[in-house]
Amino acid sequence: MDDLTRKSLKNVRYESRSNTIPSGIRGRFFSPFIIALGASPLLISLLASLPQLVNALVQLTSSLAFHKQLARKRTILIAVALQSLTWLVFIAIALWLRNPLLVVITGIAFSAFDGLMAPLWNSWVGDLLPLEKRNRFFGKTSRMNSFITFGIIITAGFLLSYAPEEYLFEMFAGLFTVSFVARLASFYFFTQIHDPKQEDVPQVSARAEIKGVLGTAFGKFLLFLLFFYLAIYVSAPFFAVYMLRDLGLSYLTYTLLIAVSVLANALMSLYWSRHADKLGTRTIVLITGLATPILPLLWLISTNVFYLGFIQLLGGFIWAGFNLGSVTYLFDAVPKHRRAHSTAYISVVTSIGMLVGATLGGLLVTTLPAWTPPAGVSSIYFSMFVLSAGLRLIVVLGFLRYIKKVTPPQDMHDTRQLFVQLIAVDPTRLMMGNTVKGINTGYRRIESSRQQLLNAQRATLFQSKRMLLDLHEYATQRQAKRLEKETTAAISAVSKATVSDKLLSKVALRKIERQTKSLSEGFDASYLKKKMARLEGEPRRRSLTGIEASLAKQEKAAVKATKQLVKELKK
């Protein structure tokens, strides 16, 4: 991969993150916005489905234009600039117009520009990305975008929840302004992405193209998506209405529940991308598809906020796998030169399913009676939840044999075992692995701290011994000085007390010499002092018993001998 492509992919990530802000606000807060404007259930369902159909039709037109070598980069830049202007219309609706029908109309225009860009953008990114890095790139990008969406949802929900009632629409206008600025940033990042040279695309008629698609595994996958999204959108537009109107949740609680799903989607995107590389996208799509009928039925059990958060957590995990599997199935099943068309076909088919399902749900919800499930709340939307769950199960089971493998998975196992592994064992193993890893990390930190403490104790003990040696040396020097002083005093006393007996003085001086020599052998100074006292008393007693006469004669000789001995001791 050259530097130009690497730089372009970096700007692809930046563009995707900046586009996540308006996409998150549009996808999560248009329904609360139109509900606050007082829209009917049918208009709410049309907002969720009709813009998607227009998006798909424009995608098909855009793919045909791309078929004729329409410039990708220039077309996308024009579409992004025009789409940015639609946010100004939403700001005007929030501040002055306050008409829910205008929200639907402007939403259709917004989706039309999205549809113009989608096939060109998918083809553009497909040319930039090597095949072996595709799943990992999409997984990481999707995870980061989910984290950004999570932050946007939390912030927007907090602002809307704590905004005064009279300033609620002004707060919506503020969110739309942020989306406008973020879309302008997205326009800048598009200008920094390199558009590689496009390969020559074979010219095929529209009839031959459609006939060729219907006869392939990808064509059967399109039919599966058509009926699957029809089953989903029988109830999908009414979850927000159920939470805000029937349960009376605040905007903050509503956004927290939405954010839980987004966070779970972000955390599990990389997990699903790894399994997509190993097992194949068909298996991922079918397993997550079989799990989706459980989700709407769980809403009938309880209205506890924490329980609803669990449903959103499980839903984020399941939809992360299904969405990633659907996208990668497109890249695996379709040749490079037909990706733009195939993206348009997916959008058209899924949008038709959304429109039919949402319209059917919008018509039925006003005719079916409300009933009270174990959740304890009476709502007209519970019938839609049950109907949607049944239709999802029927569609997935009906298409099990028609969705073909497009890449052979590695180490394929029994479907039941694989279902248990993906849904229960591997996530549990992932959490347990992280827990054990955290415990091991904590143990290593404790062991490292203990080792550092032992090293500090050894260093302290060494310093203590060194200090003791220094103190011993210092004490020895002080003892030497004290001994020298005491020896001098003892010699002086002996010289005065033993002047009557020269021989006695020499004996005393020999004892003093021996005591002085004991310094090098470690004798205590107090012991030497006692010896000096004895030496001092002995000559005195003898001098008092009859040697006074010879004192004067021997005094000079004793003093001389003492001085001579002191000199020798000093040497």
Protein backbone atom coordinates (compact mmCIF):
# COMPACT_ATOMS: atom_id res chain seq x y z
CA MET A 1 0.00 0.00 0.00
CA ASP A 2 1.53 3.32 -1.11
CA ASP A 3 1.59 6.54 0.93
CA LEU A 4 -1.17 8.17 -1.14
CA THR A 5 -3.57 5.28 -0.51
CA ARG A 6 -2.64 5.16 3.20
CA LYS A 7 -3.31 8.90 3.52
CA SER A 8 -6.60 8.54 1.66
CA LEU A 9 -7.76 5.75 3.97
CA LYS A 10 -6.93 7.93 6.96
CA ASN A 11 -9.15 10.67 5.52
CA VAL A 12 -11.83 8.04 4.86
CA ARG A 13 -11.86 7.36 8.62
CA TYR A 14 -12.02 11.07 9.42
CA GLU A 15 -14.87 11.61 6.98
CA SER A 16 -16.75 8.65 8.39
CA ARG A 17 -16.40 10.01 11.93
CA SER A 18 -17.55 13.50 10.99
CA ASN A 19 -20.51 12.07 9.08
CA THR A 20 -21.42 9.96 12.12
CA ILE A 21 -22.57 13.09 13.98
CA PRO A 22 -25.36 14.14 11.57
CA SER A 23 -26.23 10.51 10.88
CA GLY A 24 -26.60 9.79 14.60
CA ILE A 25 -28.77 12.85 15.19
CA ARG A 26 -30.93 12.13 12.15
CA GLY A 27 -31.32 8.43 12.94
CA ARG A 28 -32.07 8.79 16.67
CA PHE A 29 -33.75 12.17 17.09
CA PHE A 30 -35.91 12.71 14.03
CA SER A 31 -38.57 10.45 15.53
CA PRO A 32 -38.63 12.34 18.88
CA PHE A 33 -38.64 15.60 16.91
CA ILE A 34 -41.65 14.68 14.80
CA ILE A 35 -43.40 13.21 17.87
CA ALA A 36 -42.88 16.54 19.66
CA LEU A 37 -44.46 18.24 16.63
CA GLY A 38 -47.58 16.09 17.13
CA ALA A 39 -47.30 13.74 14.15
CA SER A 40 -49.72 10.82 13.68
CA PRO A 41 -48.53 7.16 13.76
CA LEU A 42 -48.92 6.90 9.97
CA LEU A 43 -46.75 9.99 9.42
CA ILE A 44 -44.17 8.60 11.85
CA SER A 45 -44.03 5.32 9.91
CA LEU A 46 -43.72 7.22 6.61
CA LEU A 47 -40.79 9.21 8.00
CA ALA A 48 -39.07 5.92 8.82
CA SER A 49 -39.69 4.31 5.43
CA LEU A 50 -40.46 6.73 2.58
CA PRO A 51 -37.08 8.54 2.63
CA GLN A 52 -35.42 5.11 2.49
CA LEU A 53 -37.29 4.22 -0.69
CA VAL A 54 -36.34 7.49 -2.36
CA ASN A 55 -32.78 6.89 -1.25
CA ALA A 56 -32.79 3.49 -2.92
CA LEU A 57 -34.26 4.73 -6.18
CA VAL A 58 -31.69 7.50 -6.39
CA GLN A 59 -28.98 4.95 -5.63
CA LEU A 60 -30.09 2.90 -8.61
CA THR A 61 -30.01 5.98 -10.83
CA SER A 62 -26.59 6.90 -9.45
CA SER A 63 -25.25 3.42 -10.14
CA LEU A 64 -26.44 3.64 -13.75
CA ALA A 65 -24.69 7.00 -14.05
CA PHE A 66 -21.57 5.41 -12.60
CA HIS A 67 -21.99 2.69 -15.18
CA LYS A 68 -21.40 5.47 -17.72
CA GLN A 69 -18.21 6.53 -15.91
CA LEU A 70 -19.61 9.47 -13.98
CA ALA A 71 -16.84 11.16 -11.97
CA ARG A 72 -17.14 9.77 -8.44
CA LYS A 73 -15.35 12.45 -6.46
CA ARG A 74 -17.02 15.42 -8.13
CA THR A 75 -20.50 13.90 -7.83
CA ILE A 76 -20.02 13.11 -4.13
CA LEU A 77 -18.74 16.61 -3.34
CA ILE A 78 -21.81 18.17 -4.99
CA ALA A 79 -24.14 15.81 -3.12
CA VAL A 80 -22.50 16.54 0.25
CA ALA A 81 -22.73 20.29 -0.30
CA LEU A 82 -26.45 20.06 -1.17
CA GLN A 83 -27.13 17.72 1.72
CA SER A 84 -25.55 20.21 4.11
CA LEU A 85 -28.16 22.77 3.07
CA THR A 86 -31.01 20.48 4.15
CA TRP A 87 -29.87 20.92 7.75
CA LEU A 88 -30.61 24.62 7.41
CA VAL A 89 -34.19 23.67 6.47
CA PHE A 90 -34.47 21.47 9.58
CA ILE A 91 -33.25 24.42 11.69
CA ALA A 92 -35.98 26.61 10.15
CA ILE A 93 -38.62 23.97 10.88
CA ALA A 94 -37.52 23.75 14.52
CA LEU A 95 -37.45 27.52 15.06
CA TRP A 96 -40.34 28.84 13.01
CA LEU A 97 -42.31 26.46 10.74
CA ARG A 98 -43.15 23.63 13.20
CA ASN A 99 -44.79 21.42 10.54
CA PRO A 100 -44.24 17.60 10.76
CA LEU A 101 -45.04 17.11 7.08
CA LEU A 102 -42.11 19.37 6.16
CA VAL A 103 -39.85 17.11 8.22
CA VAL A 104 -40.86 14.14 6.05
CA ILE A 105 -40.36 16.11 2.82
CA THR A 106 -36.96 17.45 3.87
CA GLY A 107 -35.99 14.01 5.10
CA ILE A 108 -36.77 12.65 1.62
CA ALA A 109 -34.44 15.26 0.07
CA PHE A 110 -31.75 14.41 2.62
CA SER A 111 -32.02 10.71 1.78
CA ALA A 112 -31.96 11.43 -1.94
CA PHE A 113 -28.52 13.01 -1.64
CA ASP A 114 -27.41 10.06 0.46
CA GLY A 115 -28.61 7.72 -2.28
CA LEU A 116 -26.71 9.68 -4.90
CA MET A 117 -23.46 9.18 -2.99
CA ALA A 118 -23.81 5.62 -1.70
CA PRO A 119 -22.93 3.44 -4.75
CA LEU A 120 -20.19 5.79 -5.85
CA TRP A 121 -18.73 5.86 -2.37
CA ASN A 122 -18.83 2.08 -1.96
CA SER A 123 -17.08 1.63 -5.28
CA TRP A 124 -14.53 4.30 -4.35
CA VAL A 125 -13.68 2.69 -0.99
CA GLY A 126 -13.63 -0.75 -2.59
CA ASP A 127 -10.91 0.42 -4.99
CA LEU A 128 -8.85 1.86 -2.12
CA LEU A 129 -9.10 -1.11 0.24
CA PRO A 130 -7.20 -4.37 -0.34
CA LEU A 131 -9.34 -7.49 -0.04
CA GLU A 132 -7.45 -8.95 2.93
CA LYS A 133 -7.93 -5.78 5.02
CA ARG A 134 -11.57 -5.12 4.20
CA ASN A 135 -13.33 -6.83 7.11
CA ARG A 136 -10.90 -5.51 9.71
CA PHE A 137 -11.13 -1.96 8.30
CA PHE A 138 -14.93 -1.97 8.32
CA GLY A 139 -15.00 -3.51 11.80
CA LYS A 140 -12.68 -0.90 13.33
CA THR A 141 -14.40 1.97 11.53
CA SER A 142 -17.83 0.79 12.61
CA ARG A 143 -16.67 0.41 16.21
CA MET A 144 -15.20 3.93 16.36
CA ASN A 145 -18.30 5.41 14.73
CA SER A 146 -20.46 3.65 17.28
CA PHE A 147 -18.48 5.22 20.12
CA ILE A 148 -18.93 8.66 18.55
CA THR A 149 -22.64 8.02 18.09
CA PHE A 150 -22.83 6.93 21.72
CA GLY A 151 -21.32 10.22 22.87
CA ILE A 152 -23.60 12.26 20.61
CA ILE A 153 -26.69 10.43 21.80
CA ILE A 154 -25.82 10.89 25.48
CA THR A 155 -25.05 14.59 25.05
CA ALA A 156 -28.14 15.31 22.95
CA GLY A 157 -30.40 13.35 25.30
CA PHE A 158 -29.05 15.24 28.32
CA LEU A 159 -29.64 18.61 26.63
CA LEU A 160 -33.16 17.73 25.50
CA SER A 161 -34.11 16.23 28.86
CA TYR A 162 -33.05 19.24 30.90
CA ALA A 163 -34.13 21.92 28.43
CA PRO A 164 -37.14 23.99 29.59
CA GLU A 165 -40.37 23.07 27.86
CA GLU A 166 -40.59 26.41 26.08
CA TYR A 167 -37.05 26.01 24.66
CA LEU A 168 -37.34 22.38 23.49
CA PHE A 169 -37.45 23.21 19.77
CA GLU A 170 -34.57 25.67 20.15
CA MET A 171 -32.54 22.79 21.55
CA PHE A 172 -33.45 20.67 18.51
CA ALA A 173 -32.30 23.58 16.33
CA GLY A 174 -28.97 23.56 18.18
CA LEU A 175 -28.50 19.86 17.44
CA PHE A 176 -29.27 20.44 13.77
CA THR A 177 -26.70 23.26 13.71
CA VAL A 178 -24.02 20.91 15.01
CA SER A 179 -24.97 18.45 12.25
CA PHE A 180 -24.64 21.19 9.65
CA VAL A 181 -21.09 22.06 10.79
CA ALA A 182 -20.07 18.39 10.94
CA ARG A 183 -21.30 17.82 7.38
CA LEU A 184 -19.18 20.74 6.20
CA ALA A 185 -16.17 19.07 7.84
CA SER A 186 -17.09 15.89 5.99
CA PHE A 187 -17.00 17.86 2.74
CA TYR A 188 -13.43 18.93 3.50
CA PHE A 189 -12.25 15.37 4.18
CA PHE A 190 -13.77 14.21 0.89
CA THR A 191 -11.56 16.71 -0.93
CA GLN A 192 -8.47 15.05 0.62
CA ILE A 193 -9.27 11.50 -0.55
CA HIS A 194 -7.57 10.21 -3.68
CA ASP A 195 -9.83 8.79 -6.35
CA PRO A 196 -7.95 5.97 -8.11
CA LYS A 197 -8.41 5.36 -11.79
CA GLN A 198 -11.54 3.34 -12.53
CA GLU A 199 -11.39 0.19 -14.55
CA ASP A 200 -13.38 -0.10 -17.74
CA VAL A 201 -16.86 -1.32 -16.87
CA PRO A 202 -18.56 -3.68 -19.34
CA GLN A 203 -21.76 -2.26 -20.78
CA VAL A 204 -24.79 -4.34 -19.84
CA SER A 205 -28.45 -3.51 -20.41
CA ALA A 206 -30.71 -2.98 -17.41
CA ARG A 207 -32.87 -6.00 -18.30
CA ALA A 208 -29.83 -8.27 -18.64
CA GLU A 209 -28.45 -6.87 -15.39
CA ILE A 210 -31.62 -7.63 -13.43
CA LYS A 211 -31.94 -11.07 -14.99
CA GLY A 212 -28.31 -11.80 -14.15
CA VAL A 213 -28.79 -10.74 -10.55
CA LEU A 214 -31.93 -12.82 -10.00
CA GLY A 215 -30.18 -15.98 -11.10
CA THR A 216 -27.33 -15.67 -8.57
CA ALA A 217 -26.83 -16.26 -4.86
CA PHE A 218 -26.81 -12.50 -4.45
CA GLY A 219 -30.29 -12.30 -6.04
CA LYS A 220 -31.69 -14.76 -3.51
CA PHE A 221 -30.04 -12.74 -0.76
CA LEU A 222 -31.85 -9.65 -2.08
CA LEU A 223 -35.21 -11.42 -1.82
CA PHE A 224 -34.37 -12.44 1.73
CA LEU A 225 -33.57 -8.81 2.66
CA LEU A 226 -36.82 -7.62 1.04
CA PHE A 227 -39.06 -9.78 3.22
CA PHE A 228 -36.83 -9.54 6.29
CA TYR A 229 -36.94 -5.74 6.37
CA LEU A 230 -40.66 -5.84 5.71
CA ALA A 231 -41.03 -7.97 8.84
CA ILE A 232 -38.75 -5.66 10.84
CA TYR A 233 -40.49 -2.41 9.89
CA VAL A 234 -43.93 -3.64 10.81
CA SER A 235 -42.91 -2.65 14.34
CA ALA A 236 -39.61 -0.72 14.07
CA PRO A 237 -41.08 2.82 13.77
CA PHE A 238 -43.17 2.42 16.93
CA PHE A 239 -40.55 1.60 19.57
CA ALA A 240 -39.70 5.29 20.02
CA VAL A 241 -43.41 6.18 20.23
CA TYR A 242 -43.98 3.41 22.78
CA MET A 243 -41.13 4.61 25.01
CA LEU A 244 -41.91 8.33 24.82
CA ARG A 245 -45.72 8.27 24.82
CA ASP A 246 -46.92 5.04 26.43
CA LEU A 247 -44.11 4.64 29.00
CA GLY A 248 -43.61 8.37 29.45
CA LEU A 249 -39.82 8.14 29.51
CA SER A 250 -37.79 11.34 29.58
CA TYR A 251 -35.54 12.26 26.67
CA LEU A 252 -32.51 11.41 28.80
CA THR A 253 -33.78 7.92 29.66
CA TYR A 254 -34.77 7.36 26.03
CA THR A 255 -31.35 8.37 24.76
CA LEU A 256 -29.60 6.26 27.40
CA LEU A 257 -31.51 3.20 26.19
CA ILE A 258 -30.59 4.00 22.60
CA ALA A 259 -26.98 4.60 23.65
CA VAL A 260 -26.77 1.16 25.27
CA SER A 261 -27.56 -0.45 21.93
CA VAL A 262 -25.03 1.75 20.14
CA LEU A 263 -22.34 0.94 22.70
CA ALA A 264 -22.98 -2.79 22.41
CA ASN A 265 -22.81 -2.45 18.63
CA ALA A 266 -19.44 -0.72 18.95
CA LEU A 267 -17.97 -3.26 21.35
CA MET A 268 -19.06 -6.27 19.32
CA SER A 269 -18.27 -5.04 15.78
CA LEU A 270 -14.68 -6.24 15.94
CA TYR A 271 -15.84 -9.53 17.48
CA TRP A 272 -18.21 -10.19 14.58
CA SER A 273 -15.63 -9.11 11.99
CA ARG A 274 -13.22 -11.76 13.27
CA HIS A 275 -15.90 -14.45 13.02
CA ALA A 276 -16.87 -13.22 9.57
CA ASP A 277 -13.33 -13.90 8.36
CA LYS A 278 -13.32 -17.35 9.95
CA LEU A 279 -16.82 -18.69 9.39
CA GLY A 280 -18.23 -16.84 6.41
CA THR A 281 -20.80 -14.08 6.22
CA ARG A 282 -23.69 -16.39 5.35
CA THR A 283 -23.47 -18.14 8.71
CA ILE A 284 -23.27 -14.84 10.57
CA VAL A 285 -26.34 -13.48 8.75
CA LEU A 286 -28.45 -16.58 9.40
CA ILE A 287 -27.51 -16.97 13.06
CA THR A 288 -28.18 -13.33 13.91
CA GLY A 289 -31.31 -13.41 11.77
CA LEU A 290 -32.65 -16.35 13.80
CA ALA A 291 -32.02 -14.36 16.98
CA THR A 292 -33.90 -11.21 15.88
CA PRO A 293 -37.47 -12.56 16.50
CA ILE A 294 -36.70 -12.71 20.22
CA LEU A 295 -36.09 -8.96 20.49
CA PRO A 296 -39.64 -7.54 19.99
CA LEU A 297 -41.15 -10.24 22.22
CA LEU A 298 -38.90 -9.22 25.11
CA TRP A 299 -40.64 -5.83 25.22
CA LEU A 300 -43.84 -7.54 26.37
CA ILE A 301 -42.37 -8.84 29.63
CA SER A 302 -41.49 -5.77 31.69
CA THR A 303 -41.26 -1.99 31.63
CA ASN A 304 -38.35 -1.76 34.06
CA VAL A 305 -35.72 0.61 32.70
CA PHE A 306 -32.83 -1.73 33.51
CA TYR A 307 -34.63 -4.59 31.79
CA LEU A 308 -35.18 -2.41 28.71
CA GLY A 309 -31.47 -1.62 28.82
CA PHE A 310 -30.73 -5.35 28.73
CA ILE A 311 -32.94 -5.68 25.61
CA GLN A 312 -31.03 -2.86 23.95
CA LEU A 313 -27.73 -4.45 24.90
CA LEU A 314 -28.75 -7.76 23.37
CA GLY A 315 -30.15 -6.01 20.30
CA GLY A 316 -26.90 -4.11 19.75
CA PHE A 317 -24.98 -7.38 19.87
CA ILE A 318 -27.28 -9.11 17.37
CA TRP A 319 -27.65 -6.23 14.92
CA ALA A 320 -23.87 -5.63 14.89
CA GLY A 321 -23.43 -9.12 13.47
CA PHE A 322 -26.31 -8.90 11.01
CA ASN A 323 -25.31 -5.52 9.58
CA LEU A 324 -21.66 -6.48 9.20
CA GLY A 325 -22.61 -9.79 7.63
CA SER A 326 -24.92 -8.09 5.12
CA VAL A 327 -22.27 -5.59 4.04
CA THR A 328 -19.48 -8.14 3.68
CA TYR A 329 -21.80 -10.53 1.85
CA LEU A 330 -22.14 -7.86 -0.83
CA PHE A 331 -18.38 -7.56 -1.28
CA ASP A 332 -17.92 -11.34 -1.27
CA ALA A 333 -20.73 -12.22 -3.67
CA VAL A 334 -20.44 -9.44 -6.25
CA PRO A 335 -17.60 -8.77 -8.72
CA LYS A 336 -15.72 -5.53 -8.36
CA HIS A 337 -17.21 -3.87 -11.46
CA ARG A 338 -20.80 -4.54 -10.27
CA ARG A 339 -20.54 -3.33 -6.67
CA ALA A 340 -22.08 0.06 -7.35
CA HIS A 341 -25.13 -1.57 -8.97
CA SER A 342 -25.38 -4.21 -6.26
CA THR A 343 -25.32 -1.60 -3.52
CA ALA A 344 -28.17 0.16 -5.26
CA TYR A 345 -30.13 -3.08 -5.54
CA ILE A 346 -29.73 -3.75 -1.82
CA SER A 347 -30.91 -0.23 -0.99
CA VAL A 348 -33.88 -0.44 -3.32
CA VAL A 349 -34.96 -3.86 -2.07
CA THR A 350 -34.56 -3.07 1.62
CA SER A 351 -36.27 0.30 1.19
CA ILE A 352 -39.25 -1.29 -0.50
CA GLY A 353 -39.46 -3.75 2.37
CA MET A 354 -39.23 -0.88 4.88
CA LEU A 355 -41.93 1.13 3.13
CA VAL A 356 -44.33 -1.79 2.79
CA GLY A 357 -43.73 -2.95 6.36
CA ALA A 358 -43.99 0.53 7.89
CA THR A 359 -47.11 1.36 5.88
CA LEU A 360 -48.70 -1.94 6.84
CA GLY A 361 -47.84 -1.33 10.47
CA GLY A 362 -49.11 2.25 10.34
CA LEU A 363 -52.47 1.08 8.96
CA LEU A 364 -52.86 -1.88 11.32
CA VAL A 365 -51.88 -0.05 14.49
CA THR A 366 -54.96 2.15 14.30
CA THR A 367 -57.32 -0.80 13.83
CA LEU A 368 -55.98 -3.37 16.28
CA PRO A 369 -57.08 -3.04 19.90
CA ALA A 370 -54.75 -2.33 22.78
CA TRP A 371 -54.03 -5.19 25.19
CA THR A 372 -52.04 -5.70 28.37
CA PRO A 373 -49.19 -8.27 28.37
CA PRO A 374 -47.12 -9.25 31.46
CA ALA A 375 -45.41 -5.87 31.21
CA GLY A 376 -48.53 -4.41 32.84
CA VAL A 377 -48.97 -1.51 30.37
CA SER A 378 -51.76 -1.34 27.84
CA SER A 379 -50.52 -0.32 24.39
CA ILE A 380 -51.73 -0.59 20.82
CA TYR A 381 -48.16 -1.32 19.67
CA PHE A 382 -47.85 -4.74 21.32
CA SER A 383 -49.75 -6.36 18.46
CA MET A 384 -47.16 -4.97 16.04
CA PHE A 385 -44.32 -6.38 18.17
CA VAL A 386 -45.80 -9.88 18.14
CA LEU A 387 -46.62 -9.72 14.41
CA SER A 388 -43.10 -8.56 13.59
CA ALA A 389 -41.51 -11.38 15.62
CA GLY A 390 -43.58 -14.03 13.83
CA LEU A 391 -42.81 -12.62 10.39
CA ARG A 392 -39.06 -12.45 11.11
CA LEU A 393 -38.96 -16.10 12.13
CA ILE A 394 -40.94 -17.21 9.07
CA VAL A 395 -38.66 -15.27 6.69
CA VAL A 396 -35.40 -16.56 8.14
CA LEU A 397 -36.57 -20.17 8.25
CA GLY A 398 -37.99 -19.90 4.75
CA PHE A 399 -34.72 -18.64 3.23
CA LEU A 400 -32.30 -20.92 5.05
CA ARG A 401 -31.85 -23.18 2.01
CA TYR A 402 -31.76 -20.36 -0.55
CA ILE A 403 -28.97 -18.19 0.85
CA LYS A 404 -25.85 -19.73 -0.61
CA LYS A 405 -22.29 -19.62 0.58
CA VAL A 406 -20.05 -17.24 -1.34
CA THR A 407 -16.82 -17.85 0.61
CA PRO A 408 -16.04 -21.25 2.16
CA PRO A 409 -15.78 -20.82 5.93
CA GLN A 410 -12.91 -22.35 7.87
CA ASP A 411 -13.46 -25.12 10.42
CA MET A 412 -17.23 -25.23 9.91
CA HIS A 413 -19.13 -27.01 12.69
CA ASP A 414 -22.66 -28.05 13.38
CA THR A 415 -25.09 -25.10 13.22
CA ARG A 416 -26.51 -25.69 16.68
CA GLN A 417 -23.04 -25.87 18.20
CA LEU A 418 -21.99 -22.78 16.27
CA PHE A 419 -25.09 -20.89 17.41
CA VAL A 420 -24.31 -21.66 21.06
CA GLN A 421 -20.66 -20.78 20.54
CA LEU A 422 -21.31 -17.40 18.93
CA ILE A 423 -24.21 -16.30 21.10
CA ALA A 424 -23.10 -17.63 24.50
CA VAL A 425 -19.69 -19.32 24.70
CA ASP A 426 -17.45 -16.87 22.86
CA PRO A 427 -18.83 -13.67 24.45
CA THR A 428 -18.56 -15.35 27.86
CA ARG A 429 -15.06 -16.51 27.04
CA LEU A 430 -14.22 -12.98 25.95
CA MET A 431 -15.49 -11.50 29.22
CA MET A 432 -13.80 -14.23 31.30
CA GLY A 433 -10.58 -13.79 29.37
CA ASN A 434 -10.63 -10.07 30.08
CA THR A 435 -11.36 -10.80 33.75
CA VAL A 436 -8.49 -13.31 34.06
CA LYS A 437 -6.24 -10.93 32.21
CA GLY A 438 -7.15 -8.18 34.66
CA ILE A 439 -6.49 -10.49 37.63
CA ASN A 440 -3.11 -11.53 36.23
CA THR A 441 -2.22 -7.92 35.59
CA GLY A 442 -3.18 -7.02 39.15
CA TYR A 443 -1.16 -9.93 40.54
CA ARG A 444 1.88 -8.88 38.52
CA ARG A 445 1.55 -5.35 39.82
CA ILE A 446 1.30 -6.62 43.42
CA GLU A 447 4.33 -8.88 42.90
CA SER A 448 6.27 -6.00 41.39
CA SER A 449 5.34 -3.76 44.33
CA ARG A 450 6.40 -6.49 46.78
CA GLN A 451 9.74 -6.89 45.00
CA GLN A 452 10.29 -3.15 45.08
CA LEU A 453 9.54 -3.16 48.81
CA LEU A 454 12.05 -5.97 49.40
CA ASN A 455 14.68 -4.10 47.41
CA ALA A 456 13.97 -0.99 49.45
CA GLN A 457 14.31 -3.00 52.66
CA ARG A 458 17.65 -4.44 51.50
CA ALA A 459 18.87 -0.98 50.59
CA THR A 460 17.76 0.33 53.99
CA LEU A 461 19.49 -2.54 55.78
CA PHE A 462 22.71 -1.91 53.84
CA GLN A 463 22.55 1.78 54.67
CA SER A 464 21.92 0.94 58.31
CA LYS A 465 24.97 -1.32 58.42
CA ARG A 466 27.05 1.34 56.75
CA MET A 467 25.86 3.88 59.28
CA LEU A 468 26.72 1.49 62.13
CA LEU A 469 30.23 1.02 60.75
CA ASP A 470 30.62 4.75 60.41
CA LEU A 471 29.36 5.23 63.97
CA HIS A 472 31.73 2.51 65.21
CA GLU A 473 34.65 4.19 63.49
CA TYR A 474 33.61 7.54 64.89
CA ALA A 475 33.21 6.07 68.39
CA THR A 476 36.62 4.41 68.11
CA GLN A 477 38.23 7.72 67.20
CA ARG A 478 36.54 9.38 70.16
CA GLN A 479 37.71 6.56 72.46
CA ALA A 480 41.26 7.03 71.18
CA LYS A 481 41.18 10.74 71.96
CA ARG A 482 39.62 10.12 75.34
CA LEU A 483 42.22 7.40 76.11
CA GLU A 484 45.06 9.66 75.11
CA LYS A 485 43.74 12.35 77.42
CA GLU A 486 43.23 9.92 80.30
CA THR A 487 46.67 8.37 79.69
CA THR A 488 48.30 11.77 79.88
CA ALA A 489 46.45 12.52 83.11
CA ALA A 490 47.36 9.10 84.52
CA ILE A 491 51.03 9.58 83.62
CA SER A 492 51.01 12.95 85.30
CA ALA A 493 49.42 11.46 88.41
CA VAL A 494 51.89 8.57 88.44
CA SER A 495 54.80 10.92 88.01
CA LYS A 496 53.67 12.89 91.03
CA ALA A 497 52.79 9.90 93.16
CA THR A 498 55.80 7.66 92.42
CA VAL A 499 58.70 10.07 92.57
CA SER A 500 59.96 8.21 95.68
CA ASP A 501 60.40 4.98 93.75
CA LYS A 502 61.78 4.91 90.22
CA LEU A 503 61.24 1.19 89.84
CA LEU A 504 57.62 1.54 90.87
CA SER A 505 57.16 4.26 88.29
CA LYS A 506 58.53 2.05 85.52
CA VAL A 507 56.12 -0.73 86.49
CA ALA A 508 53.25 1.73 86.40
CA LEU A 509 54.34 3.04 83.03
CA ARG A 510 54.47 -0.51 81.61
CA LYS A 511 50.90 -1.02 82.78
CA ILE A 512 49.93 2.25 81.11
CA GLU A 513 51.59 1.08 77.89
CA ARG A 514 49.68 -2.20 77.99
CA GLN A 515 46.41 -0.34 78.54
CA THR A 516 47.16 2.03 75.67
CA LYS A 517 47.94 -0.90 73.41
CA SER A 518 44.53 -2.38 74.25
CA LEU A 519 42.90 0.32 72.11
CA SER A 520 43.80 -1.56 68.95
CA GLU A 521 42.39 -4.73 70.48
CA GLY A 522 38.97 -3.20 71.25
CA PHE A 523 39.05 -2.80 75.03
CA ASP A 524 36.54 -0.46 76.56
CA ALA A 525 37.70 2.98 77.71
CA SER A 526 35.86 2.66 81.05
CA TYR A 527 37.86 -0.48 81.87
CA LEU A 528 41.06 1.42 81.12
CA LYS A 529 39.92 4.25 83.37
CA LYS A 530 39.48 1.85 86.30
CA LYS A 531 42.99 0.51 85.72
CA MET A 532 44.31 4.04 85.75
CA ALA A 533 42.61 4.65 89.08
CA ARG A 534 44.32 1.61 90.57
CA LEU A 535 47.66 2.73 89.26
CA GLU A 536 47.04 6.11 90.73
CA GLY A 537 46.21 4.70 94.22
CA GLU A 538 49.01 2.14 94.48
CA PRO A 539 52.00 4.46 94.38
CA ARG A 540 50.26 6.84 96.71
CA ARG A 541 49.87 4.16 99.35
CA ARG A 542 53.49 3.10 99.04
CA SER A 543 54.69 6.70 99.10
CA LEU A 544 52.96 7.16 102.43
CA THR A 545 54.77 4.20 104.06
CA GLY A 546 58.33 5.53 104.19
CA ILE A 547 59.75 6.69 100.93
CA GLU A 548 59.26 10.44 101.55
CA ALA A 549 62.96 10.84 102.06
CA SER A 550 63.90 9.70 98.60
CA LEU A 551 61.10 11.74 96.89
CA ALA A 552 63.22 14.72 96.11
CA LYS A 553 66.09 12.66 94.68
CA GLN A 554 64.03 10.46 92.45
CA GLU A 555 61.48 13.05 91.29
CA LYS A 556 63.59 14.36 88.46
CA ALA A 557 64.49 10.85 87.26
CA ALA A 558 60.81 9.70 87.27
CA VAL A 559 59.65 12.72 85.37
CA LYS A 560 62.36 12.21 82.79
CA ALA A 561 61.53 8.53 82.37
CA THR A 562 57.83 9.30 82.04
CA LYS A 563 58.40 11.87 79.30
CA GLN A 564 60.60 9.44 77.43
CA LEU A 565 57.88 6.75 77.62
CA VAL A 566 55.24 9.16 76.35
CA LYS A 567 57.38 9.97 73.32
CA GLU A 568 57.76 6.28 72.58
CA LEU A 569 54.02 5.72 72.93
CA LYS A 570 53.31 8.57 70.53
CA LYS A 571 55.68 7.06 68.01
